[in-house]
Amino acid sequence: MINTLVIPTMLLFVLNAIIGAIAYIFFWSIKDRNVIIRQLVLAGIAGYIYWYMYNTYTIPNSLISVVIGWFAPDFIEAVMEKYKPKHDDT
């Protein structure tokens, strides 16, 4: 018998990953349909993998901390660069 919380929890992880992909698509103004589909599919797969790791192993919270530490500076710099005021030097 399947625990009734397993499917909703898994869907929550997948949905959260897809929400992140949608945010990525809008933030970078991606218009290419193939890139959008790729981003959404890979996000869903990553959400499932993370859910599986979360339920099977004890490393995900520390693993995600490492991933955030690895990518956060690049992400923050990219946000700052995107919204930096443009100066006309002419």
PDB file of N, CA and C in Angstrom:
ATOM      1  N   MET A   1       0.831  -1.185   0.000  1.00  0.00           N
ATOM      2  CA  MET A   1       0.000   0.000   0.000  1.00  0.00           C
ATOM      3  C   MET A   1       0.883   1.258   0.000  1.00  0.00           C
ATOM      4  N   ILE A   2       0.545   2.208  -0.820  1.00  0.00           N
ATOM      5  CA  ILE A   2       1.307   3.447  -0.935  1.00  0.00           C
ATOM      6  C   ILE A   2       0.836   4.435   0.117  1.00  0.00           C
ATOM      7  N   ASN A   3       1.796   5.029   0.785  1.00  0.00           N
ATOM      8  CA  ASN A   3       1.470   6.074   1.755  1.00  0.00           C
ATOM      9  C   ASN A   3       0.779   7.217   1.011  1.00  0.00           C
ATOM     10  N   THR A   4      -0.330   7.702   1.536  1.00  0.00           N
ATOM     11  CA  THR A   4      -1.103   8.732   0.830  1.00  0.00           C
ATOM     12  C   THR A   4      -0.366  10.059   0.735  1.00  0.00           C
ATOM     13  N   LEU A   5       0.664  10.259   1.542  1.00  0.00           N
ATOM     14  CA  LEU A   5       1.416  11.507   1.463  1.00  0.00           C
ATOM     15  C   LEU A   5       2.565  11.444   0.460  1.00  0.00           C
ATOM     16  N   VAL A   6       2.889  10.266  -0.044  1.00  0.00           N
ATOM     17  CA  VAL A   6       4.025  10.130  -0.953  1.00  0.00           C
ATOM     18  C   VAL A   6       3.773  10.864  -2.259  1.00  0.00           C
ATOM     19  N   ILE A   7       2.671  10.603  -2.903  1.00  0.00           N
ATOM     20  CA  ILE A   7       2.391  11.224  -4.199  1.00  0.00           C
ATOM     21  C   ILE A   7       2.268  12.744  -4.069  1.00  0.00           C
ATOM     22  N   PRO A   8       1.467  13.279  -3.118  1.00  0.00           N
ATOM     23  CA  PRO A   8       1.401  14.732  -3.010  1.00  0.00           C
ATOM     24  C   PRO A   8       2.747  15.379  -2.695  1.00  0.00           C
ATOM     25  N   THR A   9       3.563  14.734  -1.867  1.00  0.00           N
ATOM     26  CA  THR A   9       4.882  15.289  -1.551  1.00  0.00           C
ATOM     27  C   THR A   9       5.759  15.288  -2.789  1.00  0.00           C
ATOM     28  N   MET A  10       5.731  14.193  -3.545  1.00  0.00           N
ATOM     29  CA  MET A  10       6.523  14.130  -4.766  1.00  0.00           C
ATOM     30  C   MET A  10       6.068  15.215  -5.742  1.00  0.00           C
ATOM     31  N   LEU A  11       4.760  15.362  -5.904  1.00  0.00           N
ATOM     32  CA  LEU A  11       4.243  16.377  -6.817  1.00  0.00           C
ATOM     33  C   LEU A  11       4.612  17.785  -6.352  1.00  0.00           C
ATOM     34  N   LEU A  12       4.667  17.980  -5.053  1.00  0.00           N
ATOM     35  CA  LEU A  12       5.072  19.284  -4.525  1.00  0.00           C
ATOM     36  C   LEU A  12       6.515  19.607  -4.906  1.00  0.00           C
ATOM     37  N   PHE A  13       7.408  18.639  -4.783  1.00  0.00           N
ATOM     38  CA  PHE A  13       8.803  18.854  -5.166  1.00  0.00           C
ATOM     39  C   PHE A  13       8.915  19.140  -6.659  1.00  0.00           C
ATOM     40  N   VAL A  14       8.203  18.357  -7.474  1.00  0.00           N
ATOM     41  CA  VAL A  14       8.241  18.556  -8.921  1.00  0.00           C
ATOM     42  C   VAL A  14       7.642  19.911  -9.285  1.00  0.00           C
ATOM     43  N   LEU A  15       6.520  20.247  -8.672  1.00  0.00           N
ATOM     44  CA  LEU A  15       5.875  21.535  -8.940  1.00  0.00           C
ATOM     45  C   LEU A  15       6.770  22.702  -8.537  1.00  0.00           C
ATOM     46  N   ASN A  16       7.411  22.604  -7.396  1.00  0.00           N
ATOM     47  CA  ASN A  16       8.326  23.672  -6.973  1.00  0.00           C
ATOM     48  C   ASN A  16       9.473  23.830  -7.960  1.00  0.00           C
ATOM     49  N   ALA A  17       9.999  22.732  -8.461  1.00  0.00           N
ATOM     50  CA  ALA A  17      11.076  22.811  -9.450  1.00  0.00           C
ATOM     51  C   ALA A  17      10.579  23.456 -10.742  1.00  0.00           C
ATOM     52  N   ILE A  18       9.366  23.122 -11.153  1.00  0.00           N
ATOM     53  CA  ILE A  18       8.801  23.719 -12.374  1.00  0.00           C
ATOM     54  C   ILE A  18       8.532  25.205 -12.165  1.00  0.00           C
ATOM     55  N   ILE A  19       8.084  25.589 -10.978  1.00  0.00           N
ATOM     56  CA  ILE A  19       7.907  27.021 -10.670  1.00  0.00           C
ATOM     57  C   ILE A  19       9.239  27.744 -10.775  1.00  0.00           C
ATOM     58  N   GLY A  20      10.292  27.118 -10.282  1.00  0.00           N
ATOM     59  CA  GLY A  20      11.625  27.707 -10.424  1.00  0.00           C
ATOM     60  C   GLY A  20      12.023  27.857 -11.883  1.00  0.00           C
ATOM     61  N   ALA A  21      11.682  26.859 -12.702  1.00  0.00           N
ATOM     62  CA  ALA A  21      11.993  26.940 -14.131  1.00  0.00           C
ATOM     63  C   ALA A  21      11.205  28.051 -14.799  1.00  0.00           C
ATOM     64  N   ILE A  22       9.951  28.214 -14.419  1.00  0.00           N
ATOM     65  CA  ILE A  22       9.129  29.297 -14.981  1.00  0.00           C
ATOM     66  C   ILE A  22       9.704  30.651 -14.588  1.00  0.00           C
ATOM     67  N   ALA A  23      10.134  30.782 -13.349  1.00  0.00           N
ATOM     68  CA  ALA A  23      10.763  32.028 -12.910  1.00  0.00           C
ATOM     69  C   ALA A  23      12.028  32.300 -13.726  1.00  0.00           C
ATOM     70  N   TYR A  24      12.818  31.268 -13.964  1.00  0.00           N
ATOM     71  CA  TYR A  24      14.035  31.389 -14.774  1.00  0.00           C
ATOM     72  C   TYR A  24      13.690  31.852 -16.191  1.00  0.00           C
ATOM     73  N   ILE A  25      12.664  31.249 -16.776  1.00  0.00           N
ATOM     74  CA  ILE A  25      12.253  31.589 -18.142  1.00  0.00           C
ATOM     75  C   ILE A  25      11.816  33.045 -18.226  1.00  0.00           C
ATOM     76  N   PHE A  26      11.011  33.497 -17.271  1.00  0.00           N
ATOM     77  CA  PHE A  26      10.563  34.894 -17.292  1.00  0.00           C
ATOM     78  C   PHE A  26      11.699  35.861 -16.969  1.00  0.00           C
ATOM     79  N   PHE A  27      12.549  35.507 -16.023  1.00  0.00           N
ATOM     80  CA  PHE A  27      13.644  36.399 -15.632  1.00  0.00           C
ATOM     81  C   PHE A  27      14.575  36.669 -16.797  1.00  0.00           C
ATOM     82  N   TRP A  28      14.926  35.618 -17.534  1.00  0.00           N
ATOM     83  CA  TRP A  28      15.854  35.780 -18.647  1.00  0.00           C
ATOM     84  C   TRP A  28      15.126  36.042 -19.968  1.00  0.00           C
ATOM     85  N   SER A  29      13.826  36.218 -19.931  1.00  0.00           N
ATOM     86  CA  SER A  29      13.018  36.521 -21.125  1.00  0.00           C
ATOM     87  C   SER A  29      13.296  35.542 -22.263  1.00  0.00           C
ATOM     88  N   ILE A  30      13.237  34.280 -21.958  1.00  0.00           N
ATOM     89  CA  ILE A  30      13.510  33.241 -22.952  1.00  0.00           C
ATOM     90  C   ILE A  30      12.291  33.097 -23.856  1.00  0.00           C
ATOM     91  N   LYS A  31      12.526  33.154 -25.150  1.00  0.00           N
ATOM     92  CA  LYS A  31      11.443  33.064 -26.130  1.00  0.00           C
ATOM     93  C   LYS A  31      11.503  31.780 -26.961  1.00  0.00           C
ATOM     94  N   ASP A  32      12.650  31.135 -27.002  1.00  0.00           N
ATOM     95  CA  ASP A  32      12.831  29.923 -27.803  1.00  0.00           C
ATOM     96  C   ASP A  32      12.034  28.767 -27.200  1.00  0.00           C
ATOM     97  N   ARG A  33      11.087  28.252 -27.970  1.00  0.00           N
ATOM     98  CA  ARG A  33      10.190  27.202 -27.487  1.00  0.00           C
ATOM     99  C   ARG A  33      10.944  25.959 -27.041  1.00  0.00           C
ATOM    100  N   ASN A  34      11.979  25.580 -27.781  1.00  0.00           N
ATOM    101  CA  ASN A  34      12.762  24.394 -27.433  1.00  0.00           C
ATOM    102  C   ASN A  34      13.484  24.569 -26.099  1.00  0.00           C
ATOM    103  N   VAL A  35      14.001  25.744 -25.866  1.00  0.00           N
ATOM    104  CA  VAL A  35      14.693  26.018 -24.601  1.00  0.00           C
ATOM    105  C   VAL A  35      13.696  25.993 -23.441  1.00  0.00           C
ATOM    106  N   ILE A  36      12.510  26.546 -23.669  1.00  0.00           N
ATOM    107  CA  ILE A  36      11.482  26.563 -22.622  1.00  0.00           C
ATOM    108  C   ILE A  36      11.072  25.136 -22.263  1.00  0.00           C
ATOM    109  N   ILE A  37      10.806  24.308 -23.269  1.00  0.00           N
ATOM    110  CA  ILE A  37      10.415  22.925 -23.018  1.00  0.00           C
ATOM    111  C   ILE A  37      11.538  22.175 -22.294  1.00  0.00           C
ATOM    112  N   ARG A  38      12.756  22.365 -22.749  1.00  0.00           N
ATOM    113  CA  ARG A  38      13.909  21.712 -22.112  1.00  0.00           C
ATOM    114  C   ARG A  38      14.016  22.121 -20.650  1.00  0.00           C
ATOM    115  N   GLN A  39      13.874  23.409 -20.379  1.00  0.00           N
ATOM    116  CA  GLN A  39      13.986  23.912 -19.010  1.00  0.00           C
ATOM    117  C   GLN A  39      12.904  23.307 -18.117  1.00  0.00           C
ATOM    118  N   LEU A  40      11.665  23.260 -18.608  1.00  0.00           N
ATOM    119  CA  LEU A  40      10.561  22.723 -17.815  1.00  0.00           C
ATOM    120  C   LEU A  40      10.712  21.222 -17.557  1.00  0.00           C
ATOM    121  N   VAL A  41      11.103  20.478 -18.588  1.00  0.00           N
ATOM    122  CA  VAL A  41      11.262  19.028 -18.435  1.00  0.00           C
ATOM    123  C   VAL A  41      12.404  18.715 -17.479  1.00  0.00           C
ATOM    124  N   LEU A  42      13.543  19.380 -17.662  1.00  0.00           N
ATOM    125  CA  LEU A  42      14.685  19.120 -16.779  1.00  0.00           C
ATOM    126  C   LEU A  42      14.386  19.540 -15.346  1.00  0.00           C
ATOM    127  N   ALA A  43      13.623  20.612 -15.172  1.00  0.00           N
ATOM    128  CA  ALA A  43      13.249  21.033 -13.818  1.00  0.00           C
ATOM    129  C   ALA A  43      12.364  19.983 -13.156  1.00  0.00           C
ATOM    130  N   GLY A  44      11.409  19.445 -13.892  1.00  0.00           N
ATOM    131  CA  GLY A  44      10.555  18.395 -13.342  1.00  0.00           C
ATOM    132  C   GLY A  44      11.347  17.156 -12.954  1.00  0.00           C
ATOM    133  N   ILE A  45      12.285  16.771 -13.806  1.00  0.00           N
ATOM    134  CA  ILE A  45      13.143  15.623 -13.505  1.00  0.00           C
ATOM    135  C   ILE A  45      13.998  15.910 -12.272  1.00  0.00           C
ATOM    136  N   ALA A  46      14.563  17.107 -12.205  1.00  0.00           N
ATOM    137  CA  ALA A  46      15.393  17.480 -11.049  1.00  0.00           C
ATOM    138  C   ALA A  46      14.563  17.497  -9.771  1.00  0.00           C
ATOM    139  N   GLY A  47      13.335  17.975  -9.848  1.00  0.00           N
ATOM    140  CA  GLY A  47      12.450  17.964  -8.681  1.00  0.00           C
ATOM    141  C   GLY A  47      12.181  16.552  -8.204  1.00  0.00           C
ATOM    142  N   TYR A  48      11.966  15.637  -9.139  1.00  0.00           N
ATOM    143  CA  TYR A  48      11.738  14.235  -8.769  1.00  0.00           C
ATOM    144  C   TYR A  48      12.997  13.638  -8.138  1.00  0.00           C
ATOM    145  N   ILE A  49      14.147  13.891  -8.744  1.00  0.00           N
ATOM    146  CA  ILE A  49      15.404  13.359  -8.204  1.00  0.00           C
ATOM    147  C   ILE A  49      15.651  13.894  -6.804  1.00  0.00           C
ATOM    148  N   TYR A  50      15.406  15.184  -6.616  1.00  0.00           N
ATOM    149  CA  TYR A  50      15.608  15.757  -5.288  1.00  0.00           C
ATOM    150  C   TYR A  50      14.631  15.152  -4.277  1.00  0.00           C
ATOM    151  N   TRP A  51      13.364  14.949  -4.683  1.00  0.00           N
ATOM    152  CA  TRP A  51      12.389  14.301  -3.797  1.00  0.00           C
ATOM    153  C   TRP A  51      12.862  12.902  -3.415  1.00  0.00           C
ATOM    154  N   TYR A  52      13.365  12.163  -4.395  1.00  0.00           N
ATOM    155  CA  TYR A  52      13.845  10.806  -4.133  1.00  0.00           C
ATOM    156  C   TYR A  52      15.008  10.835  -3.150  1.00  0.00           C
ATOM    157  N   MET A  53      15.947  11.733  -3.365  1.00  0.00           N
ATOM    158  CA  MET A  53      17.092  11.853  -2.453  1.00  0.00           C
ATOM    159  C   MET A  53      16.623  12.291  -1.065  1.00  0.00           C
ATOM    160  N   TYR A  54      15.689  13.178  -1.027  1.00  0.00           N
ATOM    161  CA  TYR A  54      15.162  13.688   0.243  1.00  0.00           C
ATOM    162  C   TYR A  54      14.524  12.573   1.066  1.00  0.00           C
ATOM    163  N   ASN A  55      13.836  11.656   0.391  1.00  0.00           N
ATOM    164  CA  ASN A  55      13.153  10.573   1.093  1.00  0.00           C
ATOM    165  C   ASN A  55      14.019   9.341   1.322  1.00  0.00           C
ATOM    166  N   THR A  56      15.110   9.193   0.594  1.00  0.00           N
ATOM    167  CA  THR A  56      15.914   7.991   0.661  1.00  0.00           C
ATOM    168  C   THR A  56      17.205   8.179   1.448  1.00  0.00           C
ATOM    169  N   TYR A  57      17.835   9.316   1.287  1.00  0.00           N
ATOM    170  CA  TYR A  57      19.135   9.555   1.907  1.00  0.00           C
ATOM    171  C   TYR A  57      19.026  10.696   2.912  1.00  0.00           C
ATOM    172  N   THR A  58      20.107  10.927   3.642  1.00  0.00           N
ATOM    173  CA  THR A  58      20.110  12.009   4.629  1.00  0.00           C
ATOM    174  C   THR A  58      20.936  13.195   4.171  1.00  0.00           C
ATOM    175  N   ILE A  59      21.444  13.173   2.954  1.00  0.00           N
ATOM    176  CA  ILE A  59      22.334  14.241   2.521  1.00  0.00           C
ATOM    177  C   ILE A  59      21.686  15.437   1.827  1.00  0.00           C
ATOM    178  N   PRO A  60      20.424  15.406   1.409  1.00  0.00           N
ATOM    179  CA  PRO A  60      19.933  16.480   0.554  1.00  0.00           C
ATOM    180  C   PRO A  60      20.039  17.883   1.141  1.00  0.00           C
ATOM    181  N   ASN A  61      19.740  18.068   2.409  1.00  0.00           N
ATOM    182  CA  ASN A  61      19.796  19.424   2.948  1.00  0.00           C
ATOM    183  C   ASN A  61      21.215  19.968   2.912  1.00  0.00           C
ATOM    184  N   SER A  62      22.182  19.154   3.242  1.00  0.00           N
ATOM    185  CA  SER A  62      23.560  19.620   3.150  1.00  0.00           C
ATOM    186  C   SER A  62      23.985  19.742   1.693  1.00  0.00           C
ATOM    187  N   LEU A  63      23.485  18.848   0.847  1.00  0.00           N
ATOM    188  CA  LEU A  63      23.808  18.928  -0.577  1.00  0.00           C
ATOM    189  C   LEU A  63      23.251  20.210  -1.188  1.00  0.00           C
ATOM    190  N   ILE A  64      22.013  20.527  -0.886  1.00  0.00           N
ATOM    191  CA  ILE A  64      21.423  21.738  -1.457  1.00  0.00           C
ATOM    192  C   ILE A  64      22.121  22.982  -0.924  1.00  0.00           C
ATOM    193  N   SER A  65      22.617  22.924   0.313  1.00  0.00           N
ATOM    194  CA  SER A  65      23.382  24.039   0.855  1.00  0.00           C
ATOM    195  C   SER A  65      24.658  24.260   0.045  1.00  0.00           C
ATOM    196  N   VAL A  66      25.316  23.169  -0.334  1.00  0.00           N
ATOM    197  CA  VAL A  66      26.528  23.277  -1.152  1.00  0.00           C
ATOM    198  C   VAL A  66      26.183  23.859  -2.518  1.00  0.00           C
ATOM    199  N   VAL A  67      25.094  23.367  -3.119  1.00  0.00           N
ATOM    200  CA  VAL A  67      24.684  23.856  -4.435  1.00  0.00           C
ATOM    201  C   VAL A  67      24.349  25.346  -4.374  1.00  0.00           C
ATOM    202  N   ILE A  68      23.623  25.756  -3.344  1.00  0.00           N
ATOM    203  CA  ILE A  68      23.284  27.170  -3.200  1.00  0.00           C
ATOM    204  C   ILE A  68      24.546  28.007  -3.029  1.00  0.00           C
ATOM    205  N   GLY A  69      25.461  27.533  -2.203  1.00  0.00           N
ATOM    206  CA  GLY A  69      26.719  28.249  -2.021  1.00  0.00           C
ATOM    207  C   GLY A  69      27.522  28.349  -3.305  1.00  0.00           C
ATOM    208  N   TRP A  70      27.412  27.336  -4.138  1.00  0.00           N
ATOM    209  CA  TRP A  70      28.148  27.308  -5.404  1.00  0.00           C
ATOM    210  C   TRP A  70      27.547  28.298  -6.408  1.00  0.00           C
ATOM    211  N   PHE A  71      26.213  28.300  -6.536  1.00  0.00           N
ATOM    212  CA  PHE A  71      25.561  29.075  -7.581  1.00  0.00           C
ATOM    213  C   PHE A  71      25.056  30.449  -7.146  1.00  0.00           C
ATOM    214  N   ALA A  72      24.860  30.660  -5.867  1.00  0.00           N
ATOM    215  CA  ALA A  72      24.272  31.921  -5.400  1.00  0.00           C
ATOM    216  C   ALA A  72      25.072  33.151  -5.821  1.00  0.00           C
ATOM    217  N   PRO A  73      26.391  33.177  -5.675  1.00  0.00           N
ATOM    218  CA  PRO A  73      27.120  34.382  -6.105  1.00  0.00           C
ATOM    219  C   PRO A  73      26.909  34.703  -7.582  1.00  0.00           C
ATOM    220  N   ASP A  74      26.951  33.698  -8.443  1.00  0.00           N
ATOM    221  CA  ASP A  74      26.719  33.928  -9.871  1.00  0.00           C
ATOM    222  C   ASP A  74      25.310  34.437 -10.117  1.00  0.00           C
ATOM    223  N   PHE A  75      24.340  33.844  -9.424  1.00  0.00           N
ATOM    224  CA  PHE A  75      22.948  34.261  -9.582  1.00  0.00           C
ATOM    225  C   PHE A  75      22.763  35.704  -9.134  1.00  0.00           C
ATOM    226  N   ILE A  76      23.284  36.056  -7.982  1.00  0.00           N
ATOM    227  CA  ILE A  76      23.139  37.420  -7.457  1.00  0.00           C
ATOM    228  C   ILE A  76      23.836  38.422  -8.363  1.00  0.00           C
ATOM    229  N   GLU A  77      25.032  38.083  -8.848  1.00  0.00           N
ATOM    230  CA  GLU A  77      25.726  38.975  -9.772  1.00  0.00           C
ATOM    231  C   GLU A  77      24.942  39.145 -11.075  1.00  0.00           C
ATOM    232  N   ALA A  78      24.344  38.080 -11.568  1.00  0.00           N
ATOM    233  CA  ALA A  78      23.553  38.165 -12.801  1.00  0.00           C
ATOM    234  C   ALA A  78      22.338  39.061 -12.597  1.00  0.00           C
ATOM    235  N   VAL A  79      21.682  38.952 -11.444  1.00  0.00           N
ATOM    236  CA  VAL A  79      20.531  39.812 -11.151  1.00  0.00           C
ATOM    237  C   VAL A  79      20.983  41.264 -11.079  1.00  0.00           C
ATOM    238  N   MET A  80      22.083  41.510 -10.397  1.00  0.00           N
ATOM    239  CA  MET A  80      22.575  42.886 -10.269  1.00  0.00           C
ATOM    240  C   MET A  80      22.956  43.449 -11.637  1.00  0.00           C
ATOM    241  N   GLU A  81      23.573  42.635 -12.479  1.00  0.00           N
ATOM    242  CA  GLU A  81      23.970  43.083 -13.815  1.00  0.00           C
ATOM    243  C   GLU A  81      22.752  43.382 -14.686  1.00  0.00           C
ATOM    244  N   LYS A  82      21.730  42.546 -14.571  1.00  0.00           N
ATOM    245  CA  LYS A  82      20.526  42.732 -15.398  1.00  0.00           C
ATOM    246  C   LYS A  82      19.804  44.029 -15.041  1.00  0.00           C
ATOM    247  N   TYR A  83      19.780  44.367 -13.765  1.00  0.00           N
ATOM    248  CA  TYR A  83      19.028  45.539 -13.328  1.00  0.00           C
ATOM    249  C   TYR A  83      19.908  46.737 -12.993  1.00  0.00           C
ATOM    250  N   LYS A  84      21.182  46.682 -13.369  1.00  0.00           N
ATOM    251  CA  LYS A  84      22.071  47.802 -13.144  1.00  0.00           C
ATOM    252  C   LYS A  84      21.665  48.965 -14.041  1.00  0.00           C
ATOM    253  N   PRO A  85      21.638  50.176 -13.496  1.00  0.00           N
ATOM    254  CA  PRO A  85      21.261  51.321 -14.347  1.00  0.00           C
ATOM    255  C   PRO A  85      22.246  51.484 -15.502  1.00  0.00           C
ATOM    256  N   LYS A  86      21.695  51.777 -16.643  1.00  0.00           N
ATOM    257  CA  LYS A  86      22.524  51.992 -17.837  1.00  0.00           C
ATOM    258  C   LYS A  86      22.967  53.456 -17.866  1.00  0.00           C
ATOM    259  N   HIS A  87      24.272  53.654 -18.053  1.00  0.00           N
ATOM    260  CA  HIS A  87      24.801  55.012 -18.140  1.00  0.00           C
ATOM    261  C   HIS A  87      25.223  55.296 -19.567  1.00  0.00           C
ATOM    262  N   ASP A  88      24.804  56.436 -20.061  1.00  0.00           N
ATOM    263  CA  ASP A  88      25.171  56.829 -21.414  1.00  0.00           C
ATOM    264  C   ASP A  88      26.444  57.649 -21.315  1.00  0.00           C
ATOM    265  N   ASP A  89      27.553  57.115 -21.840  1.00  0.00           N
ATOM    266  CA  ASP A  89      28.860  57.767 -21.729  1.00  0.00           C
ATOM    267  C   ASP A  89      29.137  58.725 -22.888  1.00  0.00           C
ATOM    268  N   THR A  90      28.166  59.046 -23.691  1.00  0.00           N
ATOM    269  CA  THR A  90      28.406  59.929 -24.835  1.00  0.00           C
ATOM    270  C   THR A  90      28.191  61.359 -24.470  1.00  0.00           C
TER     271      THR A  90
END
